[in-house]
């Protein structure tokens, strides 16, 4: 049994080779858990493009439905309201609060982490692997609240990270080994993962957020 967390970018050309490299046929994946409905995380199941997971049940936070149907805008930048462009087919499962799933023996715990988007959701798989989507950015100094520019409600995101850390610290059966982020790679879990969650990650052309990152994914 294989599950996926997030679906990839809309019409990403390298997806077939990526799946071939790990020996997985995406058409055989029956369950996809979405952290949030932005195009780089949910575009792989967008009805306007190629559905990478045509046979999968999709799960996402209930509040994300408002972005999918266009009833609220994603954010406002320079006075312009920006709507979410992703649309997915009906039949997805809307997650409420902290729900637990057993997918063929794989344990998935959903944790609402609103802020980046209103329905942003993290997932803990088998009590060992945390998928953070876009609520957390990590570099060599540790974890920060995700970049304000891309986050709809930065203060809300910081509060969600505090709650996420408390849940991880206080539930005995959760023994994290790895953290999988949306844009900071995969990290071994340690105390520094939540070290700076009261601050927002910062970047500029002259000073990248993580100057030790191995490559720029947008030019490779």
N, C-alpha and C. Protein backbone atom coordinates (compact mmCIF):
# COMPACT_ATOMS: atom_id res chain seq x y z
N UNK A 1 0.85 -1.20 0.00
CA UNK A 1 0.00 0.00 0.00
C UNK A 1 0.88 1.25 0.00
N UNK A 2 0.57 2.18 -0.90
CA UNK A 2 1.30 3.45 -0.98
C UNK A 2 0.30 4.59 -0.92
N UNK A 3 0.62 5.62 -0.13
CA UNK A 3 -0.18 6.84 -0.11
C UNK A 3 0.70 8.00 -0.57
N UNK A 4 0.05 9.10 -0.90
CA UNK A 4 0.80 10.31 -1.27
C UNK A 4 0.33 11.46 -0.40
N UNK A 5 1.26 12.34 -0.08
CA UNK A 5 0.92 13.60 0.60
C UNK A 5 1.24 14.73 -0.37
N UNK A 6 0.22 15.46 -0.76
CA UNK A 6 0.23 16.47 -1.81
C UNK A 6 0.39 15.81 -3.17
N UNK A 7 -0.01 16.55 -4.21
CA UNK A 7 -0.12 15.93 -5.53
C UNK A 7 0.87 16.47 -6.55
N UNK A 8 1.66 17.46 -6.15
CA UNK A 8 2.60 18.04 -7.10
C UNK A 8 2.00 19.22 -7.85
N UNK A 9 2.83 19.86 -8.65
CA UNK A 9 2.43 21.05 -9.40
C UNK A 9 1.61 20.67 -10.62
N UNK A 10 0.76 21.58 -11.04
CA UNK A 10 -0.05 21.40 -12.23
C UNK A 10 0.84 21.13 -13.45
N UNK A 11 0.57 19.99 -14.11
CA UNK A 11 1.26 19.63 -15.35
C UNK A 11 2.79 19.65 -15.23
N UNK A 12 3.30 19.19 -14.10
CA UNK A 12 4.75 19.12 -13.92
C UNK A 12 5.33 18.06 -14.85
N UNK A 13 6.24 18.45 -15.71
CA UNK A 13 6.73 17.58 -16.78
C UNK A 13 7.59 16.42 -16.28
N UNK A 14 8.24 16.60 -15.14
CA UNK A 14 9.16 15.58 -14.67
C UNK A 14 8.54 14.51 -13.80
N UNK A 15 7.23 14.53 -13.66
CA UNK A 15 6.61 13.63 -12.69
C UNK A 15 6.74 12.17 -13.08
N UNK A 16 6.62 11.84 -14.36
CA UNK A 16 6.71 10.45 -14.79
C UNK A 16 8.08 9.86 -14.48
N UNK A 17 9.14 10.61 -14.79
CA UNK A 17 10.49 10.14 -14.49
C UNK A 17 10.71 9.99 -13.00
N UNK A 18 10.15 10.92 -12.22
CA UNK A 18 10.32 10.86 -10.77
C UNK A 18 9.68 9.60 -10.20
N UNK A 19 8.50 9.26 -10.67
CA UNK A 19 7.85 8.04 -10.19
C UNK A 19 8.59 6.79 -10.65
N UNK A 20 9.11 6.82 -11.87
CA UNK A 20 9.87 5.68 -12.36
C UNK A 20 11.13 5.44 -11.53
N UNK A 21 11.74 6.52 -11.08
CA UNK A 21 12.96 6.40 -10.29
C UNK A 21 12.71 5.71 -8.95
N UNK A 22 11.52 5.86 -8.40
CA UNK A 22 11.22 5.22 -7.11
C UNK A 22 10.36 3.97 -7.27
N UNK A 23 10.10 3.59 -8.52
CA UNK A 23 9.40 2.35 -8.78
C UNK A 23 7.94 2.32 -8.38
N UNK A 24 7.26 3.45 -8.53
CA UNK A 24 5.84 3.53 -8.15
C UNK A 24 5.02 4.01 -9.34
N UNK A 25 3.89 3.34 -9.58
CA UNK A 25 2.94 3.77 -10.59
C UNK A 25 1.88 4.63 -9.90
N UNK A 26 1.82 5.93 -10.20
CA UNK A 26 0.86 6.79 -9.50
C UNK A 26 -0.59 6.39 -9.71
N UNK A 27 -0.88 5.67 -10.79
CA UNK A 27 -2.26 5.23 -11.01
C UNK A 27 -2.69 4.17 -10.00
N UNK A 28 -1.72 3.57 -9.32
CA UNK A 28 -2.03 2.57 -8.29
C UNK A 28 -2.18 3.17 -6.90
N UNK A 29 -1.89 4.45 -6.76
CA UNK A 29 -2.05 5.13 -5.47
C UNK A 29 -3.52 5.44 -5.26
N UNK A 30 -4.07 4.96 -4.17
CA UNK A 30 -5.51 5.07 -3.92
C UNK A 30 -5.89 6.16 -2.91
N UNK A 31 -4.89 6.79 -2.28
CA UNK A 31 -5.19 7.80 -1.26
C UNK A 31 -4.17 8.94 -1.34
N UNK A 32 -4.66 10.17 -1.50
CA UNK A 32 -3.81 11.35 -1.56
C UNK A 32 -4.28 12.36 -0.52
N UNK A 33 -3.39 12.71 0.39
CA UNK A 33 -3.70 13.68 1.45
C UNK A 33 -3.08 15.02 1.08
N UNK A 34 -3.94 16.04 0.92
CA UNK A 34 -3.51 17.37 0.48
C UNK A 34 -3.33 18.28 1.68
N UNK A 35 -2.17 18.97 1.75
CA UNK A 35 -1.96 19.92 2.85
C UNK A 35 -2.75 21.21 2.64
N UNK A 36 -2.80 21.68 1.38
CA UNK A 36 -3.58 22.87 1.07
C UNK A 36 -3.74 22.98 -0.44
N UNK A 37 -4.62 23.87 -0.88
CA UNK A 37 -5.08 23.86 -2.27
C UNK A 37 -4.30 24.78 -3.20
N UNK A 38 -3.09 25.18 -2.84
CA UNK A 38 -2.27 25.96 -3.77
C UNK A 38 -1.83 25.08 -4.95
N UNK A 39 -1.56 25.72 -6.08
CA UNK A 39 -1.31 24.99 -7.32
C UNK A 39 -0.06 24.11 -7.26
N UNK A 40 0.92 24.47 -6.44
CA UNK A 40 2.14 23.67 -6.37
C UNK A 40 1.99 22.47 -5.43
N UNK A 41 0.88 22.37 -4.74
CA UNK A 41 0.62 21.24 -3.85
C UNK A 41 -0.60 20.43 -4.29
N UNK A 42 -1.53 21.10 -4.95
CA UNK A 42 -2.80 20.46 -5.33
C UNK A 42 -2.99 20.39 -6.84
N UNK A 43 -2.05 20.98 -7.60
CA UNK A 43 -2.20 21.05 -9.05
C UNK A 43 -2.16 19.71 -9.75
N UNK A 44 -1.55 18.71 -9.10
CA UNK A 44 -1.46 17.39 -9.72
C UNK A 44 -2.78 16.68 -9.85
N UNK A 45 -3.83 17.21 -9.20
CA UNK A 45 -5.17 16.64 -9.34
C UNK A 45 -6.15 17.68 -9.88
N UNK A 46 -5.62 18.77 -10.40
CA UNK A 46 -6.45 19.84 -10.97
C UNK A 46 -7.18 19.31 -12.20
N UNK A 47 -8.47 19.57 -12.28
CA UNK A 47 -9.28 19.08 -13.41
C UNK A 47 -8.91 19.77 -14.72
N UNK A 48 -8.19 20.89 -14.67
CA UNK A 48 -7.80 21.58 -15.90
C UNK A 48 -6.52 21.00 -16.50
N UNK A 49 -5.86 20.09 -15.78
CA UNK A 49 -4.62 19.51 -16.27
C UNK A 49 -4.66 17.99 -16.23
N UNK A 50 -3.47 17.40 -16.15
CA UNK A 50 -3.35 15.95 -16.09
C UNK A 50 -3.44 15.49 -14.64
N UNK A 51 -4.42 14.65 -14.35
CA UNK A 51 -4.58 14.11 -13.00
C UNK A 51 -3.55 12.99 -12.80
N UNK A 52 -2.58 13.23 -11.96
CA UNK A 52 -1.52 12.26 -11.74
C UNK A 52 -2.05 11.02 -11.01
N UNK A 53 -3.09 11.23 -10.20
CA UNK A 53 -3.63 10.14 -9.37
C UNK A 53 -5.10 9.91 -9.71
N UNK A 54 -5.40 9.35 -10.88
CA UNK A 54 -6.78 9.26 -11.35
C UNK A 54 -7.65 8.32 -10.52
N UNK A 55 -7.05 7.43 -9.75
CA UNK A 55 -7.83 6.43 -9.00
C UNK A 55 -7.80 6.65 -7.50
N UNK A 56 -7.40 7.84 -7.07
CA UNK A 56 -7.19 8.09 -5.65
C UNK A 56 -8.35 8.82 -4.99
N UNK A 57 -8.60 8.45 -3.74
CA UNK A 57 -9.47 9.24 -2.87
C UNK A 57 -8.63 10.41 -2.36
N UNK A 58 -9.17 11.61 -2.47
CA UNK A 58 -8.46 12.81 -2.05
C UNK A 58 -8.99 13.30 -0.71
N UNK A 59 -8.08 13.74 0.16
CA UNK A 59 -8.44 14.26 1.47
C UNK A 59 -7.84 15.66 1.60
N UNK A 60 -8.61 16.60 2.16
CA UNK A 60 -8.06 17.91 2.47
C UNK A 60 -8.94 18.60 3.51
N UNK A 61 -8.36 19.60 4.18
CA UNK A 61 -9.10 20.31 5.22
C UNK A 61 -10.37 20.95 4.68
N UNK A 62 -11.44 20.87 5.45
CA UNK A 62 -12.74 21.34 4.97
C UNK A 62 -12.71 22.80 4.54
N UNK A 63 -11.98 23.64 5.25
CA UNK A 63 -11.96 25.07 4.93
C UNK A 63 -11.33 25.36 3.57
N UNK A 64 -10.56 24.42 3.02
CA UNK A 64 -9.98 24.63 1.70
C UNK A 64 -11.03 24.64 0.60
N UNK A 65 -12.20 24.09 0.89
CA UNK A 65 -13.28 24.06 -0.10
C UNK A 65 -13.64 25.45 -0.58
N UNK A 66 -13.51 26.44 0.30
CA UNK A 66 -13.88 27.81 -0.07
C UNK A 66 -12.94 28.37 -1.14
N UNK A 67 -11.68 27.94 -1.14
CA UNK A 67 -10.76 28.35 -2.21
C UNK A 67 -11.09 27.63 -3.51
N UNK A 68 -11.43 26.35 -3.39
CA UNK A 68 -11.71 25.55 -4.57
C UNK A 68 -12.94 26.04 -5.32
N UNK A 69 -13.95 26.49 -4.59
CA UNK A 69 -15.17 26.96 -5.27
C UNK A 69 -15.15 28.46 -5.53
N UNK A 70 -14.06 29.13 -5.13
CA UNK A 70 -13.91 30.54 -5.44
C UNK A 70 -14.72 31.48 -4.56
N UNK A 71 -15.25 30.98 -3.45
CA UNK A 71 -16.07 31.85 -2.60
C UNK A 71 -15.23 32.81 -1.75
N UNK A 72 -13.95 32.51 -1.57
CA UNK A 72 -13.04 33.46 -0.93
C UNK A 72 -11.77 33.55 -1.77
N UNK A 73 -11.07 34.66 -1.65
CA UNK A 73 -9.83 34.81 -2.39
C UNK A 73 -8.67 34.30 -1.55
N UNK A 74 -7.61 33.94 -2.24
CA UNK A 74 -6.45 33.33 -1.57
C UNK A 74 -5.70 34.35 -0.73
N UNK A 75 -5.47 35.55 -1.26
CA UNK A 75 -4.80 36.61 -0.52
C UNK A 75 -4.92 37.92 -1.28
N UNK A 76 -4.52 39.00 -0.66
CA UNK A 76 -4.49 40.31 -1.32
C UNK A 76 -3.06 40.81 -1.37
N UNK A 77 -2.58 41.15 -2.56
CA UNK A 77 -1.24 41.67 -2.74
C UNK A 77 -1.32 42.94 -3.58
N UNK A 78 -0.71 44.02 -3.05
CA UNK A 78 -0.70 45.31 -3.73
C UNK A 78 -2.12 45.76 -4.07
N UNK A 79 -3.04 45.47 -3.15
CA UNK A 79 -4.43 45.88 -3.32
C UNK A 79 -5.25 45.02 -4.25
N UNK A 80 -4.64 43.96 -4.78
CA UNK A 80 -5.34 43.08 -5.73
C UNK A 80 -5.71 41.78 -5.04
N UNK A 81 -6.97 41.38 -5.16
CA UNK A 81 -7.41 40.12 -4.59
C UNK A 81 -7.06 38.97 -5.54
N UNK A 82 -6.32 38.01 -5.02
CA UNK A 82 -5.86 36.88 -5.83
C UNK A 82 -6.66 35.65 -5.45
N UNK A 83 -7.35 35.06 -6.41
CA UNK A 83 -8.11 33.85 -6.14
C UNK A 83 -7.27 32.61 -6.41
N UNK A 84 -7.64 31.52 -5.77
CA UNK A 84 -7.00 30.24 -6.03
C UNK A 84 -7.48 29.72 -7.37
N UNK A 85 -6.54 29.21 -8.18
CA UNK A 85 -6.91 28.78 -9.53
C UNK A 85 -7.17 27.28 -9.63
N UNK A 86 -6.97 26.53 -8.55
CA UNK A 86 -7.11 25.08 -8.60
C UNK A 86 -8.58 24.67 -8.49
N UNK A 87 -8.96 23.68 -9.29
CA UNK A 87 -10.28 23.05 -9.19
C UNK A 87 -10.08 21.54 -9.20
N UNK A 88 -10.74 20.84 -8.31
CA UNK A 88 -10.63 19.38 -8.30
C UNK A 88 -12.04 18.79 -8.37
N UNK A 89 -12.10 17.53 -8.78
CA UNK A 89 -13.40 16.90 -8.97
C UNK A 89 -14.09 16.65 -7.64
N UNK A 90 -15.40 16.55 -7.69
CA UNK A 90 -16.20 16.28 -6.50
C UNK A 90 -15.87 14.88 -5.97
N UNK A 91 -16.19 14.69 -4.70
CA UNK A 91 -15.96 13.39 -4.09
C UNK A 91 -14.78 13.35 -3.15
N UNK A 92 -14.08 14.48 -2.99
CA UNK A 92 -12.98 14.50 -2.04
C UNK A 92 -13.52 14.47 -0.61
N UNK A 93 -12.68 14.00 0.31
CA UNK A 93 -13.07 13.89 1.71
C UNK A 93 -12.62 15.16 2.44
N UNK A 94 -13.57 15.87 3.04
CA UNK A 94 -13.27 17.10 3.78
C UNK A 94 -12.97 16.76 5.24
N UNK A 95 -11.74 17.03 5.65
CA UNK A 95 -11.28 16.68 7.00
C UNK A 95 -11.74 17.72 8.01
N UNK A 96 -12.27 17.25 9.12
CA UNK A 96 -12.65 18.12 10.24
C UNK A 96 -11.74 17.85 11.42
N UNK A 97 -11.06 18.90 11.90
CA UNK A 97 -10.26 18.81 13.12
C UNK A 97 -9.19 17.72 13.02
N UNK A 98 -8.85 17.13 14.16
CA UNK A 98 -7.81 16.09 14.20
C UNK A 98 -8.46 14.74 13.92
N UNK A 99 -8.34 14.29 12.70
CA UNK A 99 -8.91 12.98 12.34
C UNK A 99 -7.78 11.98 12.12
N UNK A 100 -8.09 10.71 12.39
CA UNK A 100 -7.13 9.64 12.20
C UNK A 100 -7.65 8.67 11.16
N UNK A 101 -6.75 8.19 10.31
CA UNK A 101 -7.11 7.28 9.24
C UNK A 101 -6.18 6.06 9.28
N UNK A 102 -6.75 4.90 8.94
CA UNK A 102 -5.95 3.68 8.78
C UNK A 102 -6.07 3.26 7.33
N UNK A 103 -4.98 3.44 6.58
CA UNK A 103 -4.98 3.16 5.15
C UNK A 103 -4.16 1.89 4.92
N UNK A 104 -4.82 0.75 4.96
CA UNK A 104 -4.13 -0.52 4.76
C UNK A 104 -2.99 -0.73 5.74
N UNK A 105 -3.18 -0.29 6.97
CA UNK A 105 -2.15 -0.44 8.00
C UNK A 105 -1.25 0.77 8.15
N UNK A 106 -1.36 1.74 7.25
CA UNK A 106 -0.61 2.99 7.38
C UNK A 106 -1.45 3.97 8.20
N UNK A 107 -0.90 4.46 9.31
CA UNK A 107 -1.62 5.39 10.17
C UNK A 107 -1.36 6.83 9.72
N UNK A 108 -2.43 7.57 9.54
CA UNK A 108 -2.33 8.97 9.15
C UNK A 108 -3.14 9.81 10.13
N UNK A 109 -2.48 10.75 10.79
CA UNK A 109 -3.17 11.67 11.70
C UNK A 109 -3.14 13.06 11.09
N UNK A 110 -4.31 13.65 10.91
CA UNK A 110 -4.39 15.01 10.36
C UNK A 110 -4.40 16.02 11.50
N UNK A 111 -3.72 17.15 11.27
CA UNK A 111 -3.63 18.20 12.28
C UNK A 111 -3.89 19.54 11.61
N UNK A 112 -5.01 20.20 11.89
CA UNK A 112 -5.29 21.50 11.30
C UNK A 112 -4.21 22.52 11.69
N UNK A 113 -3.66 23.21 10.71
CA UNK A 113 -2.66 24.25 10.95
C UNK A 113 -2.98 25.47 10.10
N UNK A 114 -4.10 26.13 10.37
CA UNK A 114 -4.51 27.27 9.55
C UNK A 114 -3.54 28.44 9.67
N UNK A 115 -3.46 29.20 8.59
CA UNK A 115 -2.60 30.38 8.57
C UNK A 115 -2.08 30.62 7.16
N UNK A 116 -1.30 29.70 6.66
CA UNK A 116 -0.86 29.80 5.25
C UNK A 116 -2.10 29.85 4.37
N UNK A 117 -3.02 28.95 4.61
CA UNK A 117 -4.40 29.02 4.12
C UNK A 117 -5.30 28.63 5.28
N UNK A 118 -6.59 28.87 5.13
CA UNK A 118 -7.50 28.62 6.26
C UNK A 118 -7.68 27.13 6.56
N UNK A 119 -7.53 26.29 5.54
CA UNK A 119 -7.71 24.86 5.77
C UNK A 119 -6.42 24.07 5.75
N UNK A 120 -5.29 24.76 5.85
CA UNK A 120 -3.99 24.09 5.80
C UNK A 120 -3.93 22.98 6.86
N UNK A 121 -3.44 21.81 6.45
CA UNK A 121 -3.44 20.64 7.32
C UNK A 121 -2.09 19.94 7.24
N UNK A 122 -1.54 19.60 8.41
CA UNK A 122 -0.34 18.77 8.47
C UNK A 122 -0.75 17.31 8.70
N UNK A 123 0.17 16.41 8.39
CA UNK A 123 -0.11 14.99 8.57
C UNK A 123 1.07 14.31 9.26
N UNK A 124 0.77 13.44 10.22
CA UNK A 124 1.78 12.59 10.83
C UNK A 124 1.49 11.16 10.40
N UNK A 125 2.47 10.53 9.76
CA UNK A 125 2.31 9.19 9.23
C UNK A 125 3.06 8.19 10.11
N UNK A 126 2.33 7.18 10.59
CA UNK A 126 2.89 6.11 11.43
C UNK A 126 3.64 6.65 12.64
N UNK A 127 3.20 7.79 13.14
CA UNK A 127 3.77 8.42 14.35
C UNK A 127 5.23 8.82 14.19
N UNK A 128 5.78 8.76 12.95
CA UNK A 128 7.21 8.97 12.75
C UNK A 128 7.56 10.07 11.77
N UNK A 129 6.67 10.34 10.81
CA UNK A 129 7.00 11.29 9.74
C UNK A 129 5.97 12.41 9.73
N UNK A 130 6.44 13.63 9.86
CA UNK A 130 5.57 14.81 9.84
C UNK A 130 5.67 15.50 8.49
N UNK A 131 4.52 15.69 7.83
CA UNK A 131 4.43 16.44 6.59
C UNK A 131 3.85 17.81 6.90
N UNK A 132 4.63 18.87 6.64
CA UNK A 132 4.23 20.20 7.11
C UNK A 132 3.68 21.10 6.03
N UNK A 133 3.66 20.67 4.77
CA UNK A 133 3.14 21.55 3.73
C UNK A 133 3.90 22.87 3.73
N UNK A 134 3.16 23.98 3.83
CA UNK A 134 3.77 25.32 3.80
C UNK A 134 3.54 26.10 5.09
N UNK A 135 3.57 25.44 6.22
CA UNK A 135 3.46 26.21 7.47
C UNK A 135 4.83 26.45 8.09
N UNK A 136 5.84 25.70 7.65
CA UNK A 136 7.16 25.72 8.28
C UNK A 136 8.24 25.83 7.21
N UNK A 137 9.24 26.69 7.46
CA UNK A 137 10.42 26.79 6.60
C UNK A 137 11.65 26.53 7.47
N UNK A 138 12.55 25.70 6.98
CA UNK A 138 13.68 25.25 7.81
C UNK A 138 15.00 25.51 7.08
N UNK A 139 15.97 26.06 7.81
CA UNK A 139 17.34 26.15 7.30
C UNK A 139 18.30 25.64 8.36
N UNK A 140 19.58 25.93 8.23
CA UNK A 140 20.57 25.37 9.15
C UNK A 140 20.39 25.87 10.59
N UNK A 141 19.66 26.96 10.76
CA UNK A 141 19.42 27.48 12.11
C UNK A 141 18.17 26.89 12.76
N UNK A 142 17.36 26.20 11.97
CA UNK A 142 16.14 25.61 12.50
C UNK A 142 14.90 26.05 11.75
N UNK A 143 13.74 25.80 12.36
CA UNK A 143 12.47 26.07 11.71
C UNK A 143 11.89 27.43 12.04
N UNK A 144 11.26 28.03 11.03
CA UNK A 144 10.61 29.33 11.15
C UNK A 144 9.18 29.23 10.61
N UNK A 145 8.34 30.17 11.03
CA UNK A 145 7.04 30.29 10.40
C UNK A 145 7.23 30.63 8.93
N UNK A 146 6.39 30.05 8.08
CA UNK A 146 6.58 30.18 6.64
C UNK A 146 6.54 31.64 6.20
N UNK A 147 7.17 31.94 5.09
CA UNK A 147 7.33 33.30 4.58
C UNK A 147 6.01 34.08 4.53
N UNK A 148 6.04 35.28 5.10
CA UNK A 148 4.82 36.10 5.18
C UNK A 148 4.22 36.39 3.81
N UNK A 149 5.08 36.61 2.81
CA UNK A 149 4.58 37.01 1.49
C UNK A 149 3.61 35.99 0.91
N UNK A 150 3.86 34.71 1.20
CA UNK A 150 3.04 33.64 0.64
C UNK A 150 1.96 33.15 1.60
N UNK A 151 1.95 33.69 2.81
CA UNK A 151 1.05 33.21 3.86
C UNK A 151 -0.11 34.17 4.04
N UNK A 152 -1.31 33.66 4.01
CA UNK A 152 -2.49 34.53 4.07
C UNK A 152 -2.63 35.21 5.43
N UNK A 153 -2.40 34.45 6.51
CA UNK A 153 -2.54 34.97 7.87
C UNK A 153 -1.31 34.57 8.69
N UNK A 154 -0.22 35.35 8.62
CA UNK A 154 1.03 34.98 9.28
C UNK A 154 0.90 34.77 10.79
N UNK A 155 0.17 35.64 11.48
CA UNK A 155 0.02 35.48 12.93
C UNK A 155 -0.72 34.19 13.27
N UNK A 156 -1.72 33.87 12.49
CA UNK A 156 -2.46 32.62 12.69
C UNK A 156 -1.55 31.42 12.47
N UNK A 157 -0.69 31.53 11.47
CA UNK A 157 0.24 30.43 11.19
C UNK A 157 1.17 30.18 12.37
N UNK A 158 1.68 31.25 12.98
CA UNK A 158 2.57 31.10 14.13
C UNK A 158 1.84 30.41 15.29
N UNK A 159 0.59 30.79 15.52
CA UNK A 159 -0.19 30.15 16.59
C UNK A 159 -0.42 28.66 16.29
N UNK A 160 -0.64 28.35 15.03
CA UNK A 160 -0.84 26.94 14.65
C UNK A 160 0.43 26.13 14.90
N UNK A 161 1.59 26.73 14.64
CA UNK A 161 2.85 26.03 14.87
C UNK A 161 3.08 25.76 16.36
N UNK A 162 2.69 26.69 17.20
CA UNK A 162 2.79 26.48 18.65
C UNK A 162 1.93 25.29 19.07
N UNK A 163 0.71 25.23 18.53
CA UNK A 163 -0.19 24.12 18.85
C UNK A 163 0.35 22.80 18.30
N UNK A 164 0.92 22.85 17.10
CA UNK A 164 1.48 21.64 16.50
C UNK A 164 2.63 21.10 17.34
N UNK A 165 3.52 21.98 17.77
CA UNK A 165 4.65 21.56 18.60
C UNK A 165 4.16 20.96 19.92
N UNK A 166 3.15 21.60 20.54
CA UNK A 166 2.62 21.10 21.81
C UNK A 166 2.02 19.71 21.64
N UNK A 167 1.32 19.50 20.54
CA UNK A 167 0.73 18.18 20.29
C UNK A 167 1.82 17.12 20.16
N UNK A 168 2.86 17.44 19.41
CA UNK A 168 3.95 16.49 19.22
C UNK A 168 4.67 16.20 20.53
N UNK A 169 4.86 17.24 21.34
CA UNK A 169 5.58 17.07 22.61
C UNK A 169 4.77 16.30 23.65
N UNK A 170 3.44 16.40 23.57
CA UNK A 170 2.61 15.88 24.66
C UNK A 170 1.94 14.55 24.39
N UNK A 171 2.00 14.06 23.16
CA UNK A 171 1.41 12.76 22.86
C UNK A 171 2.52 11.73 22.82
N UNK A 172 2.49 10.82 23.75
CA UNK A 172 3.61 9.92 23.98
C UNK A 172 3.92 9.01 22.79
N UNK A 173 2.88 8.56 22.09
CA UNK A 173 3.13 7.60 21.02
C UNK A 173 3.73 8.25 19.78
N UNK A 174 3.73 9.60 19.70
CA UNK A 174 4.35 10.27 18.57
C UNK A 174 5.84 10.41 18.83
N UNK A 175 6.63 9.71 18.04
CA UNK A 175 8.09 9.76 18.14
C UNK A 175 8.65 10.10 16.75
N UNK A 176 8.68 11.38 16.45
CA UNK A 176 9.05 11.79 15.10
C UNK A 176 10.51 11.47 14.78
N UNK A 177 10.71 11.03 13.54
CA UNK A 177 12.06 10.77 13.03
C UNK A 177 12.42 11.72 11.89
N UNK A 178 11.39 12.09 11.08
CA UNK A 178 11.65 12.95 9.94
C UNK A 178 10.54 14.00 9.80
N UNK A 179 10.93 15.14 9.22
CA UNK A 179 9.99 16.20 8.87
C UNK A 179 10.12 16.46 7.38
N UNK A 180 9.01 16.36 6.65
CA UNK A 180 8.98 16.60 5.21
C UNK A 180 8.27 17.92 4.96
N UNK A 181 8.99 18.91 4.47
CA UNK A 181 8.42 20.22 4.23
C UNK A 181 8.08 20.40 2.75
N UNK A 182 7.31 21.44 2.47
CA UNK A 182 6.97 21.71 1.09
C UNK A 182 8.11 22.32 0.30
N UNK A 183 8.95 23.14 0.95
CA UNK A 183 9.97 23.89 0.22
C UNK A 183 11.32 23.92 0.92
N UNK A 184 11.49 23.14 1.98
CA UNK A 184 12.77 23.10 2.70
C UNK A 184 13.34 21.69 2.77
N UNK A 185 12.82 20.81 1.96
CA UNK A 185 13.36 19.46 1.92
C UNK A 185 12.93 18.59 3.09
N UNK A 186 13.61 17.45 3.21
CA UNK A 186 13.36 16.49 4.28
C UNK A 186 14.45 16.64 5.33
N UNK A 187 14.06 16.72 6.59
CA UNK A 187 15.02 16.91 7.68
C UNK A 187 14.81 15.84 8.75
N UNK A 188 15.89 15.45 9.38
CA UNK A 188 15.75 14.61 10.57
C UNK A 188 15.15 15.46 11.68
N UNK A 189 14.24 14.86 12.44
CA UNK A 189 13.58 15.62 13.49
C UNK A 189 14.55 15.87 14.64
N UNK A 190 14.53 17.09 15.16
CA UNK A 190 15.33 17.46 16.33
C UNK A 190 14.66 18.67 16.98
N UNK A 191 15.22 19.12 18.08
CA UNK A 191 14.63 20.25 18.81
C UNK A 191 14.65 21.54 18.00
N UNK A 192 15.54 21.66 17.01
CA UNK A 192 15.63 22.92 16.26
C UNK A 192 14.52 23.07 15.23
N UNK A 193 13.77 22.01 14.97
CA UNK A 193 12.71 22.08 13.97
C UNK A 193 11.70 23.17 14.31
N UNK A 194 11.43 23.39 15.58
CA UNK A 194 10.48 24.43 15.99
C UNK A 194 11.18 25.58 16.73
N UNK A 195 12.46 25.76 16.49
CA UNK A 195 13.25 26.70 17.29
C UNK A 195 12.84 28.16 17.13
N UNK A 196 12.37 28.55 15.94
CA UNK A 196 12.11 29.97 15.68
C UNK A 196 10.70 30.21 15.15
N UNK A 197 9.75 29.44 15.63
CA UNK A 197 8.40 29.54 15.06
C UNK A 197 7.67 30.83 15.45
N UNK A 198 8.27 31.62 16.33
CA UNK A 198 7.69 32.93 16.64
C UNK A 198 8.18 33.99 15.65
N UNK A 199 9.05 33.60 14.72
CA UNK A 199 9.56 34.49 13.69
C UNK A 199 9.16 33.97 12.31
N UNK A 200 9.06 34.89 11.36
CA UNK A 200 8.78 34.48 9.99
C UNK A 200 10.08 34.34 9.21
N UNK A 201 10.16 33.35 8.36
CA UNK A 201 11.32 33.16 7.50
C UNK A 201 11.48 34.37 6.59
N UNK A 202 12.74 34.74 6.33
CA UNK A 202 13.04 35.90 5.50
C UNK A 202 13.96 35.49 4.36
N UNK A 203 13.81 36.15 3.21
CA UNK A 203 14.70 35.88 2.09
C UNK A 203 14.79 37.10 1.19
N UNK A 204 15.84 37.16 0.40
CA UNK A 204 16.00 38.19 -0.62
C UNK A 204 16.94 37.63 -1.68
N UNK A 205 17.09 38.34 -2.80
CA UNK A 205 17.99 37.88 -3.85
C UNK A 205 19.43 37.85 -3.35
N UNK A 206 19.78 38.79 -2.49
CA UNK A 206 21.14 38.85 -1.98
C UNK A 206 21.38 37.88 -0.83
N UNK A 207 20.31 37.56 -0.13
CA UNK A 207 20.46 36.69 1.04
C UNK A 207 19.39 35.61 1.00
N UNK A 208 19.69 34.48 0.39
CA UNK A 208 18.70 33.38 0.35
C UNK A 208 18.41 32.86 1.74
N UNK A 209 17.23 32.33 1.91
CA UNK A 209 16.84 31.79 3.22
C UNK A 209 17.76 30.65 3.63
N UNK A 210 18.11 29.79 2.69
CA UNK A 210 18.99 28.66 2.99
C UNK A 210 20.08 28.59 1.92
N UNK A 211 21.23 29.19 2.20
CA UNK A 211 22.29 29.24 1.20
C UNK A 211 23.02 27.91 1.06
N UNK A 212 22.64 26.92 1.89
CA UNK A 212 23.22 25.59 1.77
C UNK A 212 22.29 24.61 1.03
N UNK A 213 21.18 25.11 0.54
CA UNK A 213 20.27 24.27 -0.23
C UNK A 213 21.00 23.72 -1.45
N UNK A 214 20.79 22.45 -1.83
CA UNK A 214 21.60 21.82 -2.87
C UNK A 214 21.37 22.34 -4.28
N UNK A 215 20.15 22.83 -4.59
CA UNK A 215 19.91 23.34 -5.92
C UNK A 215 18.62 24.16 -5.92
N UNK A 216 18.43 24.91 -7.01
CA UNK A 216 17.22 25.69 -7.19
C UNK A 216 16.23 24.86 -8.01
N UNK A 217 15.16 24.42 -7.39
CA UNK A 217 14.21 23.51 -8.05
C UNK A 217 13.53 24.15 -9.25
N UNK A 218 13.54 25.48 -9.33
CA UNK A 218 12.81 26.14 -10.42
C UNK A 218 13.66 26.31 -11.68
N UNK A 219 14.95 25.99 -11.61
CA UNK A 219 15.78 26.08 -12.82
C UNK A 219 16.36 24.73 -13.19
N UNK A 220 16.01 23.68 -12.44
CA UNK A 220 16.54 22.35 -12.74
C UNK A 220 15.49 21.51 -13.42
